[in-house]
């Protein structure tokens, strides 16, 4: 049986993520857990999250999860969502400067406080909240069946800047263009919330459930 471990560290709408996975993969076993043996036994891992990265990393450390997540990210299909994406990088400006898991080289930075729509001069609010387009970069198995420039649901004040441009699998414009999707090896991570993104998000999760980790 296909087993999916949803990492539970107390930050994120885990019920919505789990329900979305159960909907797209009714024959799979979805396990919401922070237990090492269940995470190691799973066929694939989904790492969600909302909130501040400093709190996230502190809770991961308390639960003894950082090394386990690095191990999982190196060994099996692994998806990061929102804060779970940002935690995969080396470092973030958030919380006065926070070290991440270092799974993907790069940093997490805050949107410019003077962010505006360059064409109209309209000031843009932070956090970036609501529906926005994602422009796919390259052909990835998780993009299959999803139209170019489909809209997904975002809620965030920080965004990732991967060190290797080849990791960029999707970009979004909010004043300026930022990286909204990254992938390296068997890791795929998105800044948006697929579980809140209606049909396009469900297709992405369905693709993840059947993905073998190859690009």
Protein backbone atom coordinates (compact mmCIF):
# COMPACT_ATOMS: atom_id res chain seq x y z
CA UNK A 1 0.00 0.00 0.00
CA UNK A 2 1.17 3.53 -0.83
CA UNK A 3 1.83 5.23 2.52
CA UNK A 4 2.13 9.02 2.81
CA UNK A 5 3.50 10.56 6.00
CA UNK A 6 2.27 14.11 6.68
CA UNK A 7 4.71 15.68 9.13
CA UNK A 8 2.96 16.86 12.29
CA UNK A 9 4.95 19.41 14.26
CA UNK A 10 2.00 21.50 15.39
CA UNK A 11 2.16 24.17 12.65
CA UNK A 12 -0.20 23.94 9.69
CA UNK A 13 -3.68 22.93 8.68
CA UNK A 14 -2.88 19.23 8.70
CA UNK A 15 -6.50 18.12 8.45
CA UNK A 16 -6.98 19.96 5.14
CA UNK A 17 -3.77 18.49 3.71
CA UNK A 18 -4.62 14.98 4.86
CA UNK A 19 -8.19 15.20 3.53
CA UNK A 20 -6.94 16.42 0.15
CA UNK A 21 -4.50 13.50 -0.07
CA UNK A 22 -7.22 11.03 0.91
CA UNK A 23 -9.47 12.49 -1.79
CA UNK A 24 -6.91 12.19 -4.61
CA UNK A 25 -5.55 8.82 -3.40
CA UNK A 26 -8.39 6.87 -1.71
CA UNK A 27 -6.35 3.66 -1.80
CA UNK A 28 -3.34 5.20 -0.06
CA UNK A 29 -2.70 5.29 3.67
CA UNK A 30 -2.27 8.87 4.91
CA UNK A 31 -0.52 9.05 8.28
CA UNK A 32 -0.26 12.38 10.15
CA UNK A 33 2.71 11.88 12.46
CA UNK A 34 5.98 13.04 13.99
CA UNK A 35 7.06 9.51 14.91
CA UNK A 36 10.37 8.46 13.39
CA UNK A 37 9.42 4.87 12.65
CA UNK A 38 6.28 5.90 10.75
CA UNK A 39 8.12 8.54 8.73
CA UNK A 40 10.89 6.09 7.81
CA UNK A 41 8.34 3.43 6.84
CA UNK A 42 6.35 5.77 4.57
CA UNK A 43 6.70 5.60 0.80
CA UNK A 44 6.63 9.38 0.52
CA UNK A 45 6.63 12.39 2.84
CA UNK A 46 4.70 15.67 2.78
CA UNK A 47 6.04 18.52 4.93
CA UNK A 48 3.42 21.31 5.34
CA UNK A 49 3.38 24.36 7.57
CA UNK A 50 2.26 27.90 8.29
CA UNK A 51 3.65 30.52 10.65
CA UNK A 52 7.15 31.72 11.50
CA UNK A 53 10.27 29.75 10.57
CA UNK A 54 11.93 30.38 13.93
CA UNK A 55 9.04 28.67 15.71
CA UNK A 56 9.02 25.92 13.09
CA UNK A 57 12.70 25.05 13.52
CA UNK A 58 12.45 25.20 17.31
CA UNK A 59 9.58 22.73 17.27
CA UNK A 60 11.33 20.44 14.80
CA UNK A 61 14.38 20.40 17.09
CA UNK A 62 12.21 19.66 20.14
CA UNK A 63 10.70 16.68 18.35
CA UNK A 64 14.05 15.46 17.05
CA UNK A 65 12.95 15.79 13.42
CA UNK A 66 15.63 17.75 11.49
CA UNK A 67 17.97 14.83 10.71
CA UNK A 68 15.00 12.57 10.01
CA UNK A 69 13.57 15.06 7.51
CA UNK A 70 16.95 15.41 5.79
CA UNK A 71 17.13 11.62 5.61
CA UNK A 72 13.63 11.39 4.14
CA UNK A 73 14.32 14.17 1.62
CA UNK A 74 17.34 12.24 0.37
CA UNK A 75 15.63 8.86 0.16
CA UNK A 76 12.04 9.14 -1.07
CA UNK A 77 9.56 11.42 -2.88
CA UNK A 78 9.27 14.48 -0.63
CA UNK A 79 7.02 17.55 -0.92
CA UNK A 80 7.29 20.80 1.04
CA UNK A 81 4.37 23.22 1.26
CA UNK A 82 4.57 26.91 2.26
CA UNK A 83 6.61 27.05 5.50
CA UNK A 84 7.62 23.45 4.81
CA UNK A 85 9.21 24.72 1.59
CA UNK A 86 11.07 27.60 3.26
CA UNK A 87 12.44 25.32 5.99
CA UNK A 88 14.24 23.25 3.33
CA UNK A 89 16.70 26.04 2.51
CA UNK A 90 19.87 27.03 4.36
CA UNK A 91 18.75 30.20 6.07
CA UNK A 92 15.91 32.70 6.42
CA UNK A 93 15.77 36.39 7.32
CA UNK A 94 12.71 35.61 9.45
CA UNK A 95 12.80 35.67 13.25
CA UNK A 96 16.02 37.69 13.25
CA UNK A 97 17.78 35.10 11.11
CA UNK A 98 17.01 31.39 11.28
CA UNK A 99 18.93 28.38 10.03
CA UNK A 100 16.89 25.93 7.95
CA UNK A 101 17.41 22.27 7.14
CA UNK A 102 19.87 22.89 4.32
CA UNK A 103 18.28 20.35 1.99
CA UNK A 104 18.38 22.86 -0.89
CA UNK A 105 21.04 25.58 -0.98
CA UNK A 106 19.68 29.11 -0.76
CA UNK A 107 18.01 31.66 1.46
CA UNK A 108 14.56 32.93 2.35
CA UNK A 109 13.96 36.69 2.20
CA UNK A 110 11.11 39.05 2.97
CA UNK A 111 9.12 40.89 0.33
CA UNK A 112 10.19 44.50 -0.12
CA UNK A 113 8.07 46.79 2.07
CA UNK A 114 7.67 49.15 -0.93
CA UNK A 115 6.30 46.39 -3.12
CA UNK A 116 4.05 47.69 -5.87
CA UNK A 117 2.61 46.79 -9.22
CA UNK A 118 5.20 48.33 -11.50
CA UNK A 119 2.74 48.97 -14.33
CA UNK A 120 0.09 50.75 -12.26
CA UNK A 121 2.03 52.02 -9.24
CA UNK A 122 -0.44 50.28 -6.93
CA UNK A 123 0.96 49.44 -3.50
CA UNK A 124 0.82 45.72 -2.72
CA UNK A 125 0.09 44.43 0.75
CA UNK A 126 2.27 42.03 2.69
CA UNK A 127 1.57 39.17 3.24
CA UNK A 128 0.94 38.12 -0.32
CA UNK A 129 -2.46 36.53 0.18
CA UNK A 130 -4.89 35.07 -2.33
CA UNK A 131 -4.87 33.59 -5.81
CA UNK A 132 -1.99 34.12 -8.20
CA UNK A 133 -0.55 32.52 -11.29
CA UNK A 134 2.40 30.14 -11.35
CA UNK A 135 4.48 30.04 -14.51
CA UNK A 136 6.04 26.60 -14.87
CA UNK A 137 9.74 26.39 -15.66
CA UNK A 138 10.57 23.16 -17.42
CA UNK A 139 8.76 19.86 -17.57
CA UNK A 140 8.36 18.14 -14.22
CA UNK A 141 6.18 15.09 -13.49
CA UNK A 142 4.23 17.05 -10.89
CA UNK A 143 3.20 19.61 -13.51
CA UNK A 144 1.55 16.98 -15.73
CA UNK A 145 -2.08 17.81 -16.42
CA UNK A 146 -1.77 21.36 -15.01
CA UNK A 147 -2.10 24.20 -17.52
CA UNK A 148 0.64 26.78 -17.79
CA UNK A 149 -0.02 29.87 -15.63
CA UNK A 150 -2.66 28.12 -13.52
CA UNK A 151 -3.71 29.95 -10.37
CA UNK A 152 -2.91 28.72 -6.87
CA UNK A 153 -3.62 30.04 -3.38
CA UNK A 154 -0.82 31.85 -1.49
CA UNK A 155 -0.35 33.21 2.04
CA UNK A 156 3.21 34.37 2.82
CA UNK A 157 5.49 37.31 3.58
CA UNK A 158 8.79 35.59 2.68
CA UNK A 159 9.96 33.79 -0.44
CA UNK A 160 12.83 31.51 -1.39
CA UNK A 161 15.94 32.36 -3.40
CA UNK A 162 17.63 29.07 -4.33
CA UNK A 163 21.37 29.26 -4.99
CA UNK A 164 21.08 27.12 -8.12
CA UNK A 165 18.72 28.59 -10.74
CA UNK A 166 18.16 25.07 -12.09
CA UNK A 167 16.14 24.35 -8.91
CA UNK A 168 13.45 26.83 -9.98
CA UNK A 169 10.40 24.95 -11.23
CA UNK A 170 7.90 27.81 -11.07
CA UNK A 171 7.76 31.60 -10.70
CA UNK A 172 5.05 34.04 -9.70
CA UNK A 173 4.75 37.80 -10.03
CA UNK A 174 3.87 39.92 -7.01
CA UNK A 175 5.34 43.29 -7.85
CA UNK A 176 8.51 41.50 -8.91
CA UNK A 177 8.96 37.93 -10.00
CA UNK A 178 9.78 35.46 -7.22
CA UNK A 179 10.46 31.73 -7.10
CA UNK A 180 7.29 29.94 -6.05
CA UNK A 181 8.26 26.31 -6.79
CA UNK A 182 11.60 24.52 -6.42
CA UNK A 183 12.75 20.98 -7.05
CA UNK A 184 16.00 19.07 -6.59
CA UNK A 185 16.35 15.30 -6.83
CA UNK A 186 13.28 13.70 -5.27
CA UNK A 187 12.23 16.94 -3.51
CA UNK A 188 9.47 19.18 -4.86
CA UNK A 189 8.32 22.20 -2.87
CA UNK A 190 5.74 24.93 -3.44
CA UNK A 191 5.10 28.24 -1.71
CA UNK A 192 1.37 28.02 -2.40
CA UNK A 193 -1.13 25.70 -0.70
CA UNK A 194 -2.23 22.97 -3.14
CA UNK A 195 -4.84 21.73 -0.67
CA UNK A 196 -6.53 25.17 -0.95
CA UNK A 197 -6.02 25.56 -4.70
CA UNK A 198 -9.04 23.66 -6.03
CA UNK A 199 -8.58 21.56 -9.17
CA UNK A 200 -5.00 22.53 -10.04
CA UNK A 201 -3.89 21.86 -6.48
CA UNK A 202 -5.59 18.48 -6.40
CA UNK A 203 -3.92 17.47 -9.67
CA UNK A 204 -0.55 18.44 -8.19
CA UNK A 205 -1.18 16.31 -5.10
CA UNK A 206 -2.39 13.41 -7.25
CA UNK A 207 0.82 13.64 -9.28
CA UNK A 208 2.87 13.61 -6.08
CA UNK A 209 1.12 10.48 -4.84
CA UNK A 210 2.19 8.59 -7.97
CA UNK A 211 5.61 10.25 -8.42
CA UNK A 212 8.64 7.98 -8.17
CA UNK A 213 11.03 10.82 -7.34
CA UNK A 214 12.57 11.00 -10.81
CA UNK A 215 12.54 14.20 -12.88
